[in-house]
N, C-alpha and C. Protein backbone atom coordinates (compact mmCIF):
# COMPACT_ATOMS: atom_id res chain seq x y z
N MET A 1 15.14 -19.20 17.67
CA MET A 1 14.84 -19.94 16.25
C MET A 1 15.00 -18.53 15.33
N TYR A 2 16.33 -18.79 14.60
CA TYR A 2 16.41 -17.73 13.39
C TYR A 2 16.90 -18.18 12.24
N ASP A 3 16.23 -17.62 11.26
CA ASP A 3 16.74 -18.05 9.65
C ASP A 3 17.63 -16.97 9.44
N THR A 4 18.25 -17.19 8.32
CA THR A 4 19.01 -16.38 7.50
C THR A 4 18.16 -15.85 6.10
N ILE A 5 18.00 -14.52 6.05
CA ILE A 5 17.23 -14.07 4.80
C ILE A 5 18.24 -13.05 4.20
N GLY A 6 18.51 -13.07 2.89
CA GLY A 6 19.26 -12.35 2.22
C GLY A 6 20.68 -12.63 2.56
N ALA A 7 21.52 -11.31 2.40
CA ALA A 7 23.05 -11.45 3.03
C ALA A 7 23.51 -11.80 4.06
N GLY A 8 23.09 -12.67 4.78
CA GLY A 8 23.29 -12.61 6.04
C GLY A 8 22.68 -12.03 7.30
N LEU A 9 21.43 -11.62 7.10
CA LEU A 9 20.54 -11.30 7.88
C LEU A 9 20.23 -12.06 8.61
N MET A 10 19.97 -12.24 9.94
CA MET A 10 19.05 -13.02 11.00
C MET A 10 17.78 -12.55 11.37
N VAL A 11 16.90 -12.97 11.21
CA VAL A 11 15.62 -12.42 11.96
C VAL A 11 14.81 -13.97 11.98
N SER A 12 14.26 -13.39 13.20
CA SER A 12 12.90 -14.90 14.08
C SER A 12 12.66 -15.29 12.45
N ARG A 13 12.14 -16.49 12.95
CA ARG A 13 11.24 -17.42 11.97
C ARG A 13 9.94 -16.96 11.95
N THR A 14 9.63 -15.89 12.60
CA THR A 14 8.37 -15.36 12.42
C THR A 14 8.23 -14.52 11.43
N LYS A 15 7.89 -14.80 10.09
CA LYS A 15 7.66 -14.07 8.72
C LYS A 15 7.16 -12.66 8.77
N LEU A 16 7.31 -11.47 8.42
CA LEU A 16 6.84 -10.02 8.42
C LEU A 16 5.91 -10.31 7.50
N SER A 17 4.47 -9.64 7.73
CA SER A 17 3.70 -9.18 6.58
C SER A 17 4.13 -8.13 5.58
N ILE A 18 3.46 -7.96 4.44
CA ILE A 18 3.74 -6.58 3.96
C ILE A 18 3.39 -5.71 4.26
N SER A 19 2.32 -5.65 5.55
CA SER A 19 1.79 -4.51 6.34
C SER A 19 3.03 -4.32 7.22
N GLU A 20 3.71 -4.99 7.82
CA GLU A 20 4.58 -4.79 8.70
C GLU A 20 6.12 -3.97 8.20
N PHE A 21 6.29 -4.75 6.61
CA PHE A 21 7.66 -4.44 6.19
C PHE A 21 6.98 -2.56 6.01
N THR A 22 5.83 -2.71 5.35
CA THR A 22 5.50 -0.95 5.21
C THR A 22 5.46 -0.18 6.40
N ILE A 23 5.09 -0.52 7.59
CA ILE A 23 5.27 0.27 8.84
C ILE A 23 6.63 0.19 9.27
N LEU A 24 7.52 -0.86 8.66
CA LEU A 24 8.74 -0.65 9.05
C LEU A 24 9.23 0.96 8.09
N GLY A 25 9.32 0.44 6.85
CA GLY A 25 9.46 1.62 5.98
C GLY A 25 9.17 2.93 6.10
N ILE A 26 7.90 2.46 6.63
CA ILE A 26 7.34 4.55 7.56
C ILE A 26 7.93 4.57 8.86
N ILE A 27 8.57 4.08 9.74
CA ILE A 27 9.37 4.31 10.61
C ILE A 27 11.00 4.87 10.04
N TRP A 28 11.54 4.10 9.28
CA TRP A 28 12.61 4.98 8.55
C TRP A 28 12.38 5.88 7.81
N SER A 29 11.61 6.19 7.10
CA SER A 29 11.42 7.36 6.46
C SER A 29 10.99 8.32 7.20
N HIS A 30 10.13 8.14 8.35
CA HIS A 30 9.44 9.28 9.39
C HIS A 30 10.58 9.52 10.54
N GLY A 31 11.12 8.44 10.76
CA GLY A 31 11.80 8.18 12.21
C GLY A 31 12.98 9.41 12.70
N PRO A 32 12.83 9.36 13.98
CA PRO A 32 11.94 8.91 14.89
C PRO A 32 10.75 9.53 14.64
N CYS A 33 9.51 8.77 14.99
CA CYS A 33 8.52 9.12 15.14
C CYS A 33 7.57 8.26 16.32
N THR A 34 6.23 8.74 16.27
CA THR A 34 5.49 8.14 17.04
C THR A 34 4.52 6.76 16.46
N THR A 35 4.14 5.92 17.23
CA THR A 35 2.87 4.98 16.58
C THR A 35 1.99 6.02 15.94
N TYR A 36 1.76 6.82 16.78
CA TYR A 36 0.33 7.66 16.14
C TYR A 36 0.71 8.04 14.57
N LEU A 37 1.82 8.45 14.42
CA LEU A 37 2.10 9.30 13.24
C LEU A 37 1.95 7.94 12.03
N VAL A 38 2.27 6.90 12.47
CA VAL A 38 2.46 5.80 11.41
C VAL A 38 1.51 5.62 11.07
N MET A 39 0.17 5.34 11.95
CA MET A 39 -1.09 5.20 12.00
C MET A 39 -1.44 6.37 10.76
N ARG A 40 -1.21 7.95 10.95
CA ARG A 40 -1.54 8.55 10.38
C ARG A 40 -1.26 8.55 8.79
N VAL A 41 0.24 8.22 8.80
CA VAL A 41 0.54 8.02 6.92
C VAL A 41 -0.17 7.20 6.47
N LEU A 42 -0.45 5.97 7.29
CA LEU A 42 -1.38 5.06 6.67
C LEU A 42 -3.06 5.18 6.41
N ALA A 43 -3.64 6.08 7.44
CA ALA A 43 -5.08 6.26 7.11
C ALA A 43 -5.31 7.24 6.03
N SER A 44 -3.88 8.45 5.73
CA SER A 44 -4.21 9.34 4.78
C SER A 44 -3.75 8.47 3.29
N SER A 45 -3.56 7.54 3.25
CA SER A 45 -2.94 7.06 1.87
C SER A 45 -4.34 7.03 1.00
N PRO A 46 -3.98 7.19 -0.50
CA PRO A 46 -5.18 7.40 -1.26
C PRO A 46 -5.50 5.99 -1.72
N THR A 47 -4.70 5.27 -1.39
CA THR A 47 -4.47 3.40 -1.61
C THR A 47 -5.44 2.80 -0.34
N THR A 48 -6.25 2.09 -0.65
CA THR A 48 -7.29 1.43 0.26
C THR A 48 -6.51 0.42 0.93
N PHE A 49 -5.62 -0.17 0.38
CA PHE A 49 -4.56 -1.42 1.18
C PHE A 49 -3.99 -0.92 2.17
N TYR A 50 -3.52 0.22 2.47
CA TYR A 50 -2.55 0.84 3.07
C TYR A 50 -3.81 1.42 4.33
N ARG A 51 -5.01 2.50 3.94
CA ARG A 51 -5.69 2.78 4.59
C ARG A 51 -6.59 2.06 5.59
N ASN A 52 -6.64 0.69 5.32
CA ASN A 52 -7.00 -0.54 5.89
C ASN A 52 -6.37 -0.83 6.95
N ARG A 53 -5.14 -0.78 6.78
CA ARG A 53 -4.18 -1.31 7.57
C ARG A 53 -3.86 -0.01 8.71
N ALA A 54 -4.33 0.96 9.09
CA ALA A 54 -4.04 1.83 9.83
C ALA A 54 -4.37 1.64 11.41
N ALA A 55 -5.48 0.71 11.34
CA ALA A 55 -5.97 0.31 12.71
C ALA A 55 -5.10 -0.65 13.41
N THR A 56 -4.03 -1.30 12.48
CA THR A 56 -3.54 -2.40 12.98
C THR A 56 -2.21 -1.93 13.24
N ALA A 57 -1.76 -0.77 13.09
CA ALA A 57 -0.58 -0.23 13.43
C ALA A 57 0.14 0.01 14.48
N TYR A 58 -0.52 -0.11 15.77
CA TYR A 58 -0.06 0.02 17.56
C TYR A 58 0.47 -1.28 17.50
N ARG A 59 -0.53 -2.43 17.19
CA ARG A 59 0.21 -3.92 17.15
C ARG A 59 1.26 -4.12 16.22
N ALA A 60 1.22 -3.55 15.25
CA ALA A 60 2.28 -3.95 14.52
C ALA A 60 3.66 -3.24 14.84
N VAL A 61 3.63 -2.23 15.49
CA VAL A 61 4.91 -1.50 15.86
C VAL A 61 5.07 -2.34 17.41
N GLN A 62 4.19 -2.74 17.97
CA GLN A 62 4.44 -3.57 19.01
C GLN A 62 5.36 -4.57 18.91
N ARG A 63 4.93 -5.23 17.50
CA ARG A 63 5.56 -6.56 17.25
C ARG A 63 6.84 -6.55 16.72
N LEU A 64 7.15 -5.17 15.72
CA LEU A 64 8.52 -5.10 15.33
C LEU A 64 9.17 -4.78 16.08
N VAL A 65 9.32 -3.88 17.56
CA VAL A 65 9.77 -3.67 18.85
C VAL A 65 10.55 -4.91 19.39
N ARG A 66 9.44 -5.71 19.68
CA ARG A 66 9.57 -7.30 20.14
C ARG A 66 10.48 -7.86 19.70
N GLU A 67 10.42 -7.99 18.23
CA GLU A 67 11.56 -8.48 17.25
C GLU A 67 12.91 -8.05 17.33
N GLY A 68 12.92 -6.56 17.89
CA GLY A 68 14.24 -6.10 17.64
C GLY A 68 14.40 -5.03 16.15
N LEU A 69 13.47 -4.87 15.38
CA LEU A 69 13.48 -4.28 14.33
C LEU A 69 13.33 -3.00 14.53
N ALA A 70 12.74 -2.45 15.32
CA ALA A 70 12.18 -1.28 16.02
C ALA A 70 12.58 -1.02 17.49
N GLU A 71 12.93 0.20 17.69
CA GLU A 71 13.26 0.56 19.22
C GLU A 71 12.62 1.81 19.43
N ALA A 72 11.80 1.65 20.57
CA ALA A 72 11.61 2.81 21.38
C ALA A 72 12.54 3.37 22.05
N ILE A 73 12.78 4.86 22.03
CA ILE A 73 13.54 5.86 22.67
C ILE A 73 12.77 6.82 23.37
N GLY A 74 13.57 7.20 24.50
CA GLY A 74 13.31 8.35 25.36
C GLY A 74 12.00 7.92 25.92
N ASP A 75 11.19 9.10 26.63
CA ASP A 75 10.04 9.14 27.36
C ASP A 75 8.53 9.24 26.25
N SER A 76 7.81 9.23 26.78
CA SER A 76 6.65 9.40 26.44
C SER A 76 6.19 11.01 26.01
N THR A 77 5.65 10.88 24.56
CA THR A 77 5.68 12.41 24.21
C THR A 77 4.32 12.73 23.71
N GLY A 78 3.80 13.77 23.71
CA GLY A 78 2.30 13.98 23.22
C GLY A 78 1.17 13.72 24.21
N PRO A 79 0.14 13.78 23.75
CA PRO A 79 -1.38 14.05 24.42
C PRO A 79 -1.60 12.56 24.59
N ARG A 80 -1.01 11.82 23.64
CA ARG A 80 -1.34 9.94 23.53
C ARG A 80 -0.05 9.43 24.19
N HIS A 81 0.66 10.03 25.04
CA HIS A 81 2.01 9.37 25.99
C HIS A 81 2.53 8.66 24.66
N ASP A 82 2.69 8.35 23.69
CA ASP A 82 3.51 7.83 22.90
C ASP A 82 4.94 7.76 23.03
N ARG A 83 5.77 6.80 22.70
CA ARG A 83 7.12 6.91 22.89
C ARG A 83 7.54 6.83 21.43
N LEU A 84 8.61 7.56 21.21
CA LEU A 84 9.05 7.71 20.01
C LEU A 84 9.84 6.44 19.50
N ILE A 85 9.76 6.12 18.09
CA ILE A 85 10.25 4.55 17.47
C ILE A 85 11.36 4.87 16.66
N ARG A 86 12.11 4.44 16.11
CA ARG A 86 12.93 4.79 15.10
C ARG A 86 13.63 2.87 14.93
N ILE A 87 13.79 2.92 13.85
CA ILE A 87 14.40 1.64 13.01
C ILE A 87 15.41 1.38 13.76
N SER A 88 15.79 -0.24 13.99
CA SER A 88 17.28 -0.45 14.64
C SER A 88 17.92 -0.76 13.32
N ASP A 89 19.19 -1.11 13.61
CA ASP A 89 19.93 -1.97 12.49
C ASP A 89 19.49 -2.94 11.84
N ARG A 90 18.96 -3.96 12.66
CA ARG A 90 18.23 -5.68 12.14
C ARG A 90 16.97 -4.95 11.54
N GLY A 91 16.15 -3.93 11.69
CA GLY A 91 15.11 -3.33 11.00
C GLY A 91 16.01 -2.90 9.75
N VAL A 92 16.65 -1.79 9.83
CA VAL A 92 17.26 -1.48 8.22
C VAL A 92 17.72 -2.68 7.30
N GLU A 93 18.50 -3.55 8.14
CA GLU A 93 18.56 -4.78 7.35
C GLU A 93 17.34 -5.68 6.57
N ALA A 94 16.68 -5.90 7.53
CA ALA A 94 15.45 -6.38 7.28
C ALA A 94 14.56 -5.60 5.81
N LEU A 95 14.82 -4.33 6.05
CA LEU A 95 14.09 -3.93 4.97
C LEU A 95 15.31 -3.68 3.72
N GLN A 96 16.17 -3.39 3.68
CA GLN A 96 16.82 -3.62 2.78
C GLN A 96 16.90 -5.41 1.92
N SER A 97 16.60 -6.14 2.66
CA SER A 97 16.41 -7.54 2.05
C SER A 97 15.20 -7.56 1.30
N TRP A 98 14.22 -7.22 2.09
CA TRP A 98 12.52 -7.23 1.54
C TRP A 98 13.00 -6.33 0.05
N LEU A 99 13.88 -5.31 0.00
CA LEU A 99 13.70 -4.08 -0.97
C LEU A 99 15.12 -5.13 -2.39
N SER A 100 15.56 -6.08 -1.78
CA SER A 100 16.39 -6.73 -3.14
C SER A 100 16.09 -8.15 -3.56
N PRO A 101 16.58 -8.02 -4.94
CA PRO A 101 16.11 -9.06 -5.53
C PRO A 101 16.16 -10.78 -5.18
N PRO A 102 15.67 -11.91 -5.65
CA PRO A 102 14.60 -11.74 -6.33
C PRO A 102 13.33 -11.44 -5.77
N LEU A 103 12.62 -10.71 -6.52
CA LEU A 103 11.17 -10.39 -5.71
C LEU A 103 10.41 -11.54 -5.71
N PRO A 104 9.40 -12.20 -5.12
CA PRO A 104 8.39 -13.05 -4.93
C PRO A 104 7.21 -12.88 -6.09
N LEU A 105 7.19 -13.88 -6.92
CA LEU A 105 6.26 -13.77 -8.09
C LEU A 105 4.84 -13.64 -7.57
N ILE A 106 4.38 -14.12 -6.45
CA ILE A 106 3.26 -13.86 -5.63
C ILE A 106 3.18 -11.92 -5.67
N GLU A 107 4.19 -11.61 -5.14
CA GLU A 107 4.35 -10.03 -4.76
C GLU A 107 3.99 -9.41 -6.19
N VAL A 108 5.11 -9.95 -7.43
CA VAL A 108 5.13 -9.08 -8.17
C VAL A 108 3.45 -9.19 -9.19
N SER A 109 2.94 -10.21 -8.84
CA SER A 109 1.96 -10.19 -10.05
C SER A 109 0.94 -10.22 -9.12
N HIS A 110 0.62 -9.70 -7.54
CA HIS A 110 -0.43 -9.32 -6.97
C HIS A 110 -1.21 -8.32 -7.37
N THR A 111 -2.43 -7.77 -7.64
CA THR A 111 -3.20 -6.60 -7.79
C THR A 111 -4.49 -7.32 -7.70
N ILE A 112 -5.05 -6.13 -6.94
CA ILE A 112 -6.65 -6.25 -6.61
C ILE A 112 -7.31 -5.17 -7.45
N ASP A 113 -8.07 -5.55 -8.35
CA ASP A 113 -9.07 -4.66 -9.07
C ASP A 113 -10.53 -5.24 -8.72
N LEU A 114 -11.45 -4.93 -7.92
CA LEU A 114 -12.71 -5.53 -7.79
C LEU A 114 -13.79 -5.27 -8.74
N ILE A 115 -13.04 -4.07 -9.91
CA ILE A 115 -13.87 -3.94 -10.97
C ILE A 115 -13.78 -5.10 -12.21
N ARG A 116 -12.49 -5.35 -12.11
CA ARG A 116 -12.20 -6.12 -12.95
C ARG A 116 -12.55 -7.69 -12.68
N LEU A 117 -13.05 -7.93 -11.26
CA LEU A 117 -13.10 -9.21 -10.57
C LEU A 117 -15.04 -8.97 -11.00
N ARG A 118 -15.44 -7.90 -11.06
CA ARG A 118 -16.98 -7.68 -11.36
C ARG A 118 -17.06 -8.30 -12.68
N MET A 119 -15.98 -7.79 -13.74
CA MET A 119 -16.33 -8.03 -14.78
C MET A 119 -16.41 -9.44 -15.68
N TYR A 120 -15.82 -10.08 -14.82
CA TYR A 120 -16.19 -11.65 -14.87
C TYR A 120 -17.60 -12.21 -14.94
N PHE A 121 -18.53 -11.81 -14.13
CA PHE A 121 -19.71 -11.80 -13.96
C PHE A 121 -20.97 -10.69 -14.66
N VAL A 122 -20.39 -10.00 -15.34
CA VAL A 122 -20.90 -8.70 -15.70
C VAL A 122 -22.16 -9.03 -16.77
N GLY A 123 -22.62 -10.22 -17.01
CA GLY A 123 -22.85 -11.07 -18.42
C GLY A 123 -24.16 -11.55 -17.48
N VAL A 124 -24.63 -11.33 -16.22
CA VAL A 124 -25.73 -11.60 -15.54
C VAL A 124 -26.53 -10.53 -15.58
N VAL A 125 -26.04 -9.69 -16.10
CA VAL A 125 -27.34 -8.20 -16.01
C VAL A 125 -27.19 -7.67 -17.68
N GLU A 126 -28.39 -7.20 -17.95
CA GLU A 126 -28.68 -6.64 -19.47
C GLU A 126 -28.09 -5.63 -20.12
N VAL A 127 -27.77 -5.57 -20.95
CA VAL A 127 -26.78 -4.67 -21.69
C VAL A 127 -26.79 -2.99 -21.36
N GLU A 128 -28.07 -2.46 -21.08
CA GLU A 128 -27.90 -1.46 -20.63
C GLU A 128 -26.87 -1.13 -19.04
N ARG A 129 -27.29 -2.02 -18.41
CA ARG A 129 -26.84 -2.21 -16.67
C ARG A 129 -25.36 -2.13 -16.87
N ARG A 130 -24.91 -3.21 -17.82
CA ARG A 130 -23.51 -2.84 -18.30
C ARG A 130 -23.02 -1.79 -18.56
N ALA A 131 -23.45 -1.47 -19.32
CA ALA A 131 -22.55 0.07 -19.72
C ALA A 131 -22.80 1.32 -18.43
N SER A 132 -24.19 1.01 -17.98
CA SER A 132 -24.19 1.78 -16.68
C SER A 132 -23.20 1.41 -15.78
N PHE A 133 -22.65 0.15 -15.34
CA PHE A 133 -21.59 -0.14 -14.52
C PHE A 133 -20.45 0.41 -15.08
N VAL A 134 -19.83 0.00 -16.77
CA VAL A 134 -18.88 0.65 -16.62
C VAL A 134 -18.73 2.12 -16.89
N ASP A 135 -19.60 3.00 -17.08
CA ASP A 135 -19.86 4.36 -16.76
C ASP A 135 -19.29 4.98 -15.36
N ASP A 136 -19.94 4.61 -14.59
CA ASP A 136 -20.06 4.45 -13.30
C ASP A 136 -18.59 4.31 -12.48
N ALA A 137 -17.97 2.89 -13.27
CA ALA A 137 -16.53 2.50 -12.75
C ALA A 137 -15.79 3.98 -13.51
N ILE A 138 -15.82 4.36 -14.51
CA ILE A 138 -15.02 5.23 -15.32
C ILE A 138 -15.38 6.55 -14.41
N ASP A 139 -16.44 7.07 -14.24
CA ASP A 139 -16.36 7.95 -13.35
C ASP A 139 -15.72 8.30 -12.39
N GLY A 140 -16.08 7.18 -11.46
CA GLY A 140 -15.36 6.98 -10.29
C GLY A 140 -13.64 7.04 -10.35
N LEU A 141 -13.34 6.17 -11.15
CA LEU A 141 -11.70 6.28 -11.43
C LEU A 141 -11.58 7.44 -11.98
N ARG A 142 -12.31 8.44 -12.58
CA ARG A 142 -11.45 9.60 -13.06
C ARG A 142 -11.63 10.91 -11.73
N LYS A 143 -12.62 10.38 -11.26
CA LYS A 143 -12.46 10.91 -9.84
C LYS A 143 -11.16 10.88 -8.75
N HIS A 144 -11.07 9.72 -8.84
CA HIS A 144 -9.83 9.00 -8.01
C HIS A 144 -8.41 9.48 -8.41
N LEU A 145 -8.30 9.41 -10.00
CA LEU A 145 -7.12 10.19 -10.90
C LEU A 145 -6.71 11.36 -10.26
N LYS A 146 -7.95 12.25 -10.10
CA LYS A 146 -7.72 13.18 -9.34
C LYS A 146 -7.04 13.46 -8.08
N THR A 147 -7.40 12.72 -7.54
CA THR A 147 -6.98 12.29 -6.03
C THR A 147 -5.54 12.13 -6.16
N VAL A 148 -5.04 10.95 -7.11
CA VAL A 148 -3.54 10.43 -6.61
C VAL A 148 -2.57 11.39 -7.49
N GLU A 149 -3.23 12.17 -8.74
CA GLU A 149 -2.40 12.92 -9.18
C GLU A 149 -2.23 14.03 -8.26
N ALA A 150 -2.91 14.39 -7.43
CA ALA A 150 -2.64 15.40 -6.34
C ALA A 150 -1.64 14.80 -5.26
N ASN A 151 -2.12 13.81 -5.13
CA ASN A 151 -1.08 12.90 -3.88
C ASN A 151 0.38 13.01 -4.33
N ALA A 152 0.45 12.51 -5.76
CA ALA A 152 1.73 12.30 -6.38
C ALA A 152 2.59 13.58 -6.27
N ALA A 153 1.93 14.58 -6.83
CA ALA A 153 2.61 16.09 -6.63
C ALA A 153 2.88 16.44 -5.36
N LYS A 154 2.09 16.13 -4.26
CA LYS A 154 2.64 16.36 -2.96
C LYS A 154 3.44 15.70 -2.60
N GLU A 155 3.27 14.35 -2.89
CA GLU A 155 4.59 13.58 -2.11
C GLU A 155 5.96 13.68 -3.17
N ASN A 156 5.68 13.97 -4.21
CA ASN A 156 7.06 14.36 -4.46
C ASN A 156 7.88 15.61 -4.45
N GLU A 157 7.20 16.70 -3.80
CA GLU A 157 7.57 17.98 -2.98
C GLU A 157 8.30 17.36 -1.50
N THR A 158 7.96 16.42 -0.68
CA THR A 158 8.19 16.07 0.36
C THR A 158 9.61 14.99 0.37
N ASP A 159 9.32 14.14 -0.67
CA ASP A 159 10.29 13.17 -0.70
C ASP A 159 9.90 11.92 -2.15
N PRO A 160 10.92 12.40 -2.90
CA PRO A 160 10.92 12.01 -4.05
C PRO A 160 10.61 10.59 -4.33
N TYR A 161 11.02 9.57 -3.66
CA TYR A 161 10.66 8.14 -3.25
C TYR A 161 9.26 7.80 -3.55
N ALA A 162 8.67 8.57 -2.18
CA ALA A 162 7.01 8.66 -2.00
C ALA A 162 6.34 9.14 -3.53
N GLY A 163 7.27 9.98 -4.12
CA GLY A 163 6.66 10.84 -5.31
C GLY A 163 6.39 9.98 -6.48
N LEU A 164 7.92 9.29 -6.50
CA LEU A 164 7.71 7.70 -7.74
C LEU A 164 6.82 7.09 -7.62
N ALA A 165 6.53 6.28 -6.08
CA ALA A 165 5.68 5.44 -6.03
C ALA A 165 4.07 5.82 -6.02
N ALA A 166 3.80 7.16 -5.74
CA ALA A 166 2.66 7.57 -5.89
C ALA A 166 2.25 7.54 -7.51
N LEU A 167 3.35 7.86 -8.30
CA LEU A 167 3.02 8.01 -9.60
C LEU A 167 2.57 6.48 -10.07
N GLY A 168 2.89 5.32 -9.66
CA GLY A 168 2.50 4.40 -10.05
C GLY A 168 0.90 4.28 -9.88
N THR A 169 0.45 4.78 -8.86
CA THR A 169 -1.10 4.59 -8.94
C THR A 169 -1.61 5.41 -10.03
N VAL A 170 -1.08 6.61 -10.15
CA VAL A 170 -1.70 7.64 -11.27
C VAL A 170 -1.69 6.41 -12.90
N TYR A 171 -0.25 6.31 -12.82
CA TYR A 171 -0.47 4.98 -13.87
C TYR A 171 -1.40 4.10 -14.14
N GLU A 172 -1.51 3.11 -12.92
CA GLU A 172 -2.64 2.24 -12.69
C GLU A 172 -3.78 2.88 -12.96
N THR A 173 -4.06 3.87 -12.71
CA THR A 173 -5.65 4.47 -12.80
C THR A 173 -5.96 4.97 -14.02
N ARG A 174 -5.06 5.40 -14.56
CA ARG A 174 -5.20 5.82 -16.38
C ARG A 174 -5.48 4.66 -16.77
N ALA A 175 -4.51 3.36 -16.39
CA ALA A 175 -4.73 1.95 -17.46
C ALA A 175 -6.26 1.39 -17.17
N ARG A 176 -6.58 1.62 -15.81
CA ARG A 176 -7.97 1.04 -15.63
C ARG A 176 -8.93 1.86 -16.44
N ILE A 177 -8.87 3.04 -16.53
CA ILE A 177 -10.15 4.05 -17.47
C ILE A 177 -9.71 3.56 -19.06
N GLU A 178 -8.75 3.52 -19.46
CA GLU A 178 -8.22 3.08 -20.97
C GLU A 178 -8.77 1.83 -21.09
N TRP A 179 -8.44 0.78 -19.85
CA TRP A 179 -9.38 -0.61 -20.45
C TRP A 179 -10.60 -0.53 -20.50
N LEU A 180 -11.49 0.09 -19.17
CA LEU A 180 -12.72 0.12 -19.61
C LEU A 180 -13.19 0.76 -20.60
N GLU A 181 -12.71 2.18 -21.48
CA GLU A 181 -13.20 2.79 -22.52
C GLU A 181 -13.23 1.64 -23.60
N ALA A 182 -12.21 0.79 -23.76
CA ALA A 182 -11.97 0.21 -24.71
C ALA A 182 -12.78 -1.16 -24.87
N ILE A 183 -13.16 -1.82 -23.54
CA ILE A 183 -14.31 -2.72 -23.54
C ILE A 183 -15.93 -2.08 -23.58
N LYS A 184 -16.06 -0.99 -23.34
CA LYS A 184 -17.50 -0.66 -23.25
C LYS A 184 -18.11 -1.41 -24.64
N PRO A 185 -17.80 -0.62 -25.72
CA PRO A 185 -18.27 -1.19 -27.02
C PRO A 185 -18.47 -2.87 -27.12
N LYS A 186 -17.48 -3.55 -26.91
CA LYS A 186 -17.45 -4.72 -27.05
C LYS A 186 -18.67 -5.47 -26.21
N LEU A 187 -18.70 -4.86 -24.71
CA LEU A 187 -19.58 -5.33 -23.77
C LEU A 187 -21.37 -4.97 -24.50
N ALA A 188 -21.41 -4.07 -25.41
CA ALA A 188 -22.77 -3.59 -26.01
C ALA A 188 -22.47 -4.70 -27.33
N GLU A 189 -21.61 -5.11 -27.88
CA GLU A 189 -21.87 -6.24 -28.96
C GLU A 189 -22.40 -7.75 -28.41
N LEU A 190 -21.97 -7.68 -27.00
CA LEU A 190 -22.23 -9.27 -26.71
C LEU A 190 -23.60 -9.58 -26.71
N GLY A 191 -24.63 -8.47 -26.44
CA GLY A 191 -26.13 -8.56 -26.25
C GLY A 191 -26.03 -9.30 -24.64
N ASN A 192 -27.47 -9.70 -25.26
CA ASN A 192 -27.97 -10.53 -23.77
C ASN A 192 -27.83 -12.05 -23.88
C-alpha cells in the first residue's frame, strides 16, 4: 500500500509523525550517526516538545528503517553497540516533501503555550495572585530567554539553519514576555 506525496514520492500509507520527520531531519543533518546521538540531540533541546520525544528515538528510528526512509550501515559501534544510520534516498524525498508547500494549516497554527492556557481561567484567583502568577511567568520566561539566546548563538556557530530555527524560539520567548507585561495592568483593572 503506497501513496504519492508531493512530486512523485512513494511512501507507505503509514503517515509519519512530526517527531519522526524531526528524527529523519536529525539523521540527515548529523548522519551517518547512531540512534543514541539522535536521542541526545532531542534530549539537549531547550524546547520541551523535542526533549519529551527523546525516549521514543529508538522506536522511531526502527520504524524509519523498516519504512526504508533510513538505513543501518556497517557493524555496531560504541559501548551501546549501536549501528550507524543514514537517511536513504526515499528518506531525503520524504523530508523534502515535508518541507515543501503547501504547509498544513494545523501545523502553521499549532502552538502550545501553557501560560496562555492558564490565562483563560485566571479570573478564579484574587487580583494579587493574578499579579503574582504573571510576575512568576515573566521571571521564568526571562530565565528561559537566556537559555534560548545562548542556544541560538551556539547553534549558529555549527549549523546556520539550526541557528535560524533556534532564533524562532528567541523571538517567541520575547513576544510572550511582551504580552505578559502588556496584560499585567489590565488584570489589575479587572478586579475580582
